[in-house]
Amino acid sequence: MITISLRPVGRYWGTISFASTLYLCPILDLLLAEIPAKLQAELRLGLQEALVNAAKHGNNLDPSKRVVVRFSLIDNQYWWIISDQGSGFCPSSANDDDELTDYLPPDEAESGRGLCLLHQIFDQVEWNRKGTELRLCKQMENRPRLSLRR
């Protein structure tokens, strides 16, 4: 079952809550409904990775546990806060500038590539201390980029 409340307007937050599952198409469709078309494919990939991590690694696909996603547009920034009911993980290891999969055992390094993907897609990627809540931000306005050429 999917529970939806409060579509985001201005500084308000919308919420989608669902039982742990890997059937994420309808949830992703709802989360991306207001996103510009040119960004939808990239953000769908990133949000899918984050939701899979919450349902699979956080909640162990336990259908009695829920994944909650809060989302909003604030000052040209799209925000998603994804929470699971799992025991968490140590996010400080994932925030180092080193290779993001280095801290994982070899058999889990492939799963750790998703963390690297999140950092490539989103402008901000932050976990709470317990590792059960992930904050993702994507800046919408064009920011001037520094040229590496001289």
C-alpha atoms as a PDB file:
ATOM      1  CA  MET A   1       0.000   0.000   0.000  1.00  0.00           C
ATOM      2  CA  ILE A   2       1.192   3.515  -0.842  1.00  0.00           C
ATOM      3  CA  THR A   3       0.200   6.423   1.367  1.00  0.00           C
ATOM      4  CA  ILE A   4       0.463   9.956  -0.034  1.00  0.00           C
ATOM      5  CA  SER A   5      -0.100  13.248   1.727  1.00  0.00           C
ATOM      6  CA  LEU A   6       0.372  16.944   1.014  1.00  0.00           C
ATOM      7  CA  ARG A   7       1.662  17.705  -2.480  1.00  0.00           C
ATOM      8  CA  PRO A   8       4.548  20.137  -2.081  1.00  0.00           C
ATOM      9  CA  VAL A   9       3.780  23.784  -2.766  1.00  0.00           C
ATOM     10  CA  GLY A  10       6.318  26.459  -1.897  1.00  0.00           C
ATOM     11  CA  ARG A  11       8.008  25.389   1.322  1.00  0.00           C
ATOM     12  CA  TYR A  12       5.619  22.564   2.156  1.00  0.00           C
ATOM     13  CA  TRP A  13       6.678  18.942   2.191  1.00  0.00           C
ATOM     14  CA  GLY A  14       4.854  16.087   0.504  1.00  0.00           C
ATOM     15  CA  THR A  15       5.102  12.576   1.914  1.00  0.00           C
ATOM     16  CA  ILE A  16       4.953   9.146   0.329  1.00  0.00           C
ATOM     17  CA  SER A  17       5.072   6.073   2.550  1.00  0.00           C
ATOM     18  CA  PHE A  18       5.160   2.481   1.303  1.00  0.00           C
ATOM     19  CA  ALA A  19       5.832  -1.055   2.495  1.00  0.00           C
ATOM     20  CA  SER A  20       9.336  -2.311   1.649  1.00  0.00           C
ATOM     21  CA  THR A  21       9.279  -3.528  -1.939  1.00  0.00           C
ATOM     22  CA  LEU A  22      11.394  -3.346  -5.064  1.00  0.00           C
ATOM     23  CA  TYR A  23       8.334  -2.519  -7.173  1.00  0.00           C
ATOM     24  CA  LEU A  24       9.143   1.176  -7.294  1.00  0.00           C
ATOM     25  CA  CYS A  25       7.757   2.404 -10.647  1.00  0.00           C
ATOM     26  CA  PRO A  26       4.595   4.043  -9.245  1.00  0.00           C
ATOM     27  CA  ILE A  27       6.542   5.645  -6.395  1.00  0.00           C
ATOM     28  CA  LEU A  28       9.196   7.015  -8.751  1.00  0.00           C
ATOM     29  CA  ASP A  29       6.470   8.325 -11.082  1.00  0.00           C
ATOM     30  CA  LEU A  30       4.904  10.227  -8.179  1.00  0.00           C
ATOM     31  CA  LEU A  31       8.237  11.602  -6.959  1.00  0.00           C
ATOM     32  CA  LEU A  32       9.222  12.805 -10.422  1.00  0.00           C
ATOM     33  CA  ALA A  33       5.845  14.191 -11.533  1.00  0.00           C
ATOM     34  CA  GLU A  34       6.897  17.842 -11.104  1.00  0.00           C
ATOM     35  CA  ILE A  35      10.529  17.455 -12.222  1.00  0.00           C
ATOM     36  CA  PRO A  36      11.603  19.001 -15.561  1.00  0.00           C
ATOM     37  CA  ALA A  37      11.710  16.356 -18.315  1.00  0.00           C
ATOM     38  CA  LYS A  38      15.403  16.888 -19.065  1.00  0.00           C
ATOM     39  CA  LEU A  39      16.336  15.769 -15.524  1.00  0.00           C
ATOM     40  CA  GLN A  40      13.869  12.925 -15.064  1.00  0.00           C
ATOM     41  CA  ALA A  41      16.021  10.024 -16.332  1.00  0.00           C
ATOM     42  CA  GLU A  42      19.027  10.972 -14.207  1.00  0.00           C
ATOM     43  CA  LEU A  43      16.964  11.634 -11.073  1.00  0.00           C
ATOM     44  CA  ARG A  44      14.928   8.454 -11.592  1.00  0.00           C
ATOM     45  CA  LEU A  45      18.158   6.455 -11.537  1.00  0.00           C
ATOM     46  CA  GLY A  46      19.371   8.177  -8.365  1.00  0.00           C
ATOM     47  CA  LEU A  47      16.061   7.982  -6.518  1.00  0.00           C
ATOM     48  CA  GLN A  48      15.618   4.340  -7.525  1.00  0.00           C
ATOM     49  CA  GLU A  49      19.030   3.539  -6.059  1.00  0.00           C
ATOM     50  CA  ALA A  50      18.200   5.353  -2.825  1.00  0.00           C
ATOM     51  CA  LEU A  51      14.799   3.653  -2.501  1.00  0.00           C
ATOM     52  CA  VAL A  52      16.246   0.215  -3.243  1.00  0.00           C
ATOM     53  CA  ASN A  53      18.893   0.801  -0.559  1.00  0.00           C
ATOM     54  CA  ALA A  54      16.203   1.760   1.977  1.00  0.00           C
ATOM     55  CA  ALA A  55      13.885  -1.165   1.183  1.00  0.00           C
ATOM     56  CA  LYS A  56      16.511  -3.861   0.575  1.00  0.00           C
ATOM     57  CA  HIS A  57      19.483  -2.991   2.771  1.00  0.00           C
ATOM     58  CA  GLY A  58      17.662  -0.935   5.402  1.00  0.00           C
ATOM     59  CA  ASN A  59      14.427  -2.848   5.857  1.00  0.00           C
ATOM     60  CA  ASN A  60      15.600  -6.233   4.489  1.00  0.00           C
ATOM     61  CA  LEU A  61      12.504  -6.216   2.213  1.00  0.00           C
ATOM     62  CA  ASP A  62      10.356  -6.801   5.295  1.00  0.00           C
ATOM     63  CA  PRO A  63       6.826  -5.809   4.151  1.00  0.00           C
ATOM     64  CA  SER A  64       5.893  -4.845   7.708  1.00  0.00           C
ATOM     65  CA  LYS A  65       8.562  -2.096   7.605  1.00  0.00           C
ATOM     66  CA  ARG A  66       7.937   1.139   5.739  1.00  0.00           C
ATOM     67  CA  VAL A  67      10.016   3.487   3.650  1.00  0.00           C
ATOM     68  CA  VAL A  68       9.003   7.132   4.017  1.00  0.00           C
ATOM     69  CA  VAL A  69       9.948   9.787   1.465  1.00  0.00           C
ATOM     70  CA  ARG A  70       9.420  13.482   2.170  1.00  0.00           C
ATOM     71  CA  PHE A  71       9.954  15.811  -0.783  1.00  0.00           C
ATOM     72  CA  SER A  72       9.807  19.506  -1.578  1.00  0.00           C
ATOM     73  CA  LEU A  73      11.000  22.309  -3.829  1.00  0.00           C
ATOM     74  CA  ILE A  74      12.730  25.005  -1.771  1.00  0.00           C
ATOM     75  CA  ASP A  75      14.494  27.964  -3.400  1.00  0.00           C
ATOM     76  CA  ASN A  76      15.192  26.159  -6.707  1.00  0.00           C
ATOM     77  CA  GLN A  77      16.356  23.031  -4.904  1.00  0.00           C
ATOM     78  CA  TYR A  78      14.500  19.736  -5.047  1.00  0.00           C
ATOM     79  CA  TRP A  79      14.827  17.829  -1.759  1.00  0.00           C
ATOM     80  CA  TRP A  80      14.074  14.205  -0.940  1.00  0.00           C
ATOM     81  CA  ILE A  81      14.423  12.773   2.570  1.00  0.00           C
ATOM     82  CA  ILE A  82      14.252   8.974   2.550  1.00  0.00           C
ATOM     83  CA  SER A  83      13.859   7.101   5.850  1.00  0.00           C
ATOM     84  CA  ASP A  84      13.821   3.385   6.582  1.00  0.00           C
ATOM     85  CA  GLN A  85      13.168   1.355   9.734  1.00  0.00           C
ATOM     86  CA  GLY A  86      16.374  -0.674   9.595  1.00  0.00           C
ATOM     87  CA  SER A  87      19.268  -0.798  12.028  1.00  0.00           C
ATOM     88  CA  GLY A  88      21.263   1.669   9.923  1.00  0.00           C
ATOM     89  CA  PHE A  89      24.854   1.704   8.744  1.00  0.00           C
ATOM     90  CA  CYS A  90      27.918   3.856   9.330  1.00  0.00           C
ATOM     91  CA  PRO A  91      27.470   6.708   6.844  1.00  0.00           C
ATOM     92  CA  SER A  92      30.677   8.494   7.869  1.00  0.00           C
ATOM     93  CA  SER A  93      32.644   5.899   5.909  1.00  0.00           C
ATOM     94  CA  ALA A  94      30.625   6.690   2.803  1.00  0.00           C
ATOM     95  CA  ASN A  95      31.296  10.430   2.999  1.00  0.00           C
ATOM     96  CA  ASP A  96      35.078  10.253   2.749  1.00  0.00           C
ATOM     97  CA  ASP A  97      36.775  11.504  -0.392  1.00  0.00           C
ATOM     98  CA  ASP A  98      38.298   8.055  -0.897  1.00  0.00           C
ATOM     99  CA  GLU A  99      36.758   5.563  -3.280  1.00  0.00           C
ATOM    100  CA  LEU A 100      33.227   5.108  -1.950  1.00  0.00           C
ATOM    101  CA  THR A 101      33.351   1.315  -2.154  1.00  0.00           C
ATOM    102  CA  ASP A 102      36.695   0.897  -0.353  1.00  0.00           C
ATOM    103  CA  TYR A 103      35.085   0.538   3.063  1.00  0.00           C
ATOM    104  CA  LEU A 104      32.894  -2.367   1.935  1.00  0.00           C
ATOM    105  CA  PRO A 105      33.859  -6.042   2.049  1.00  0.00           C
ATOM    106  CA  PRO A 106      34.650  -7.356  -1.465  1.00  0.00           C
ATOM    107  CA  ASP A 107      31.327  -9.215  -1.732  1.00  0.00           C
ATOM    108  CA  GLU A 108      29.404  -5.987  -0.989  1.00  0.00           C
ATOM    109  CA  ALA A 109      31.484  -3.569  -3.095  1.00  0.00           C
ATOM    110  CA  GLU A 110      29.111  -3.905  -6.048  1.00  0.00           C
ATOM    111  CA  SER A 111      26.255  -2.706  -3.849  1.00  0.00           C
ATOM    112  CA  GLY A 112      28.437   0.205  -2.701  1.00  0.00           C
ATOM    113  CA  ARG A 113      28.621   1.502  -6.247  1.00  0.00           C
ATOM    114  CA  GLY A 114      25.112   2.826  -5.726  1.00  0.00           C
ATOM    115  CA  LEU A 115      26.457   5.193  -3.090  1.00  0.00           C
ATOM    116  CA  CYS A 116      28.945   6.531  -5.609  1.00  0.00           C
ATOM    117  CA  LEU A 117      26.106   6.981  -8.089  1.00  0.00           C
ATOM    118  CA  LEU A 118      24.153   9.090  -5.586  1.00  0.00           C
ATOM    119  CA  HIS A 119      27.120  11.434  -5.216  1.00  0.00           C
ATOM    120  CA  GLN A 120      27.355  11.787  -9.000  1.00  0.00           C
ATOM    121  CA  ILE A 121      23.667  12.607  -9.512  1.00  0.00           C
ATOM    122  CA  PHE A 122      22.782  14.781  -6.520  1.00  0.00           C
ATOM    123  CA  ASP A 123      24.361  18.030  -5.358  1.00  0.00           C
ATOM    124  CA  GLN A 124      24.022  17.065  -1.687  1.00  0.00           C
ATOM    125  CA  VAL A 125      23.980  13.563  -0.186  1.00  0.00           C
ATOM    126  CA  GLU A 126      23.787  13.364   3.609  1.00  0.00           C
ATOM    127  CA  TRP A 127      22.840  10.640   6.105  1.00  0.00           C
ATOM    128  CA  ASN A 128      21.761  11.014   9.687  1.00  0.00           C
ATOM    129  CA  ARG A 129      24.164   9.603  12.302  1.00  0.00           C
ATOM    130  CA  LYS A 130      22.328   6.316  12.562  1.00  0.00           C
ATOM    131  CA  GLY A 131      22.314   5.773   8.792  1.00  0.00           C
ATOM    132  CA  THR A 132      18.539   5.342   8.524  1.00  0.00           C
ATOM    133  CA  GLU A 133      17.731   8.671   6.858  1.00  0.00           C
ATOM    134  CA  LEU A 134      19.159   9.984   3.607  1.00  0.00           C
ATOM    135  CA  ARG A 135      18.837  13.602   2.436  1.00  0.00           C
ATOM    136  CA  LEU A 136      19.233  14.261  -1.273  1.00  0.00           C
ATOM    137  CA  CYS A 137      19.257  17.641  -2.994  1.00  0.00           C
ATOM    138  CA  LYS A 138      19.334  18.639  -6.639  1.00  0.00           C
ATOM    139  CA  GLN A 139      19.920  22.297  -7.517  1.00  0.00           C
ATOM    140  CA  MET A 140      17.682  23.468 -10.366  1.00  0.00           C
ATOM    141  CA  GLU A 141      19.170  26.798 -11.360  1.00  0.00           C
ATOM    142  CA  ASN A 142      22.140  26.950 -13.683  1.00  0.00           C
ATOM    143  CA  ARG A 143      25.244  27.664 -11.718  1.00  0.00           C
ATOM    144  CA  PRO A 144      28.317  29.017 -13.453  1.00  0.00           C
ATOM    145  CA  ARG A 145      30.987  26.343 -13.664  1.00  0.00           C
ATOM    146  CA  LEU A 146      34.673  27.034 -13.386  1.00  0.00           C
ATOM    147  CA  SER A 147      36.590  26.300 -16.521  1.00  0.00           C
ATOM    148  CA  LEU A 148      39.575  24.035 -16.180  1.00  0.00           C
ATOM    149  CA  ARG A 149      41.040  25.406 -19.413  1.00  0.00           C
ATOM    150  CA  ARG A 150      43.259  28.416 -19.587  1.00  0.00           C
END
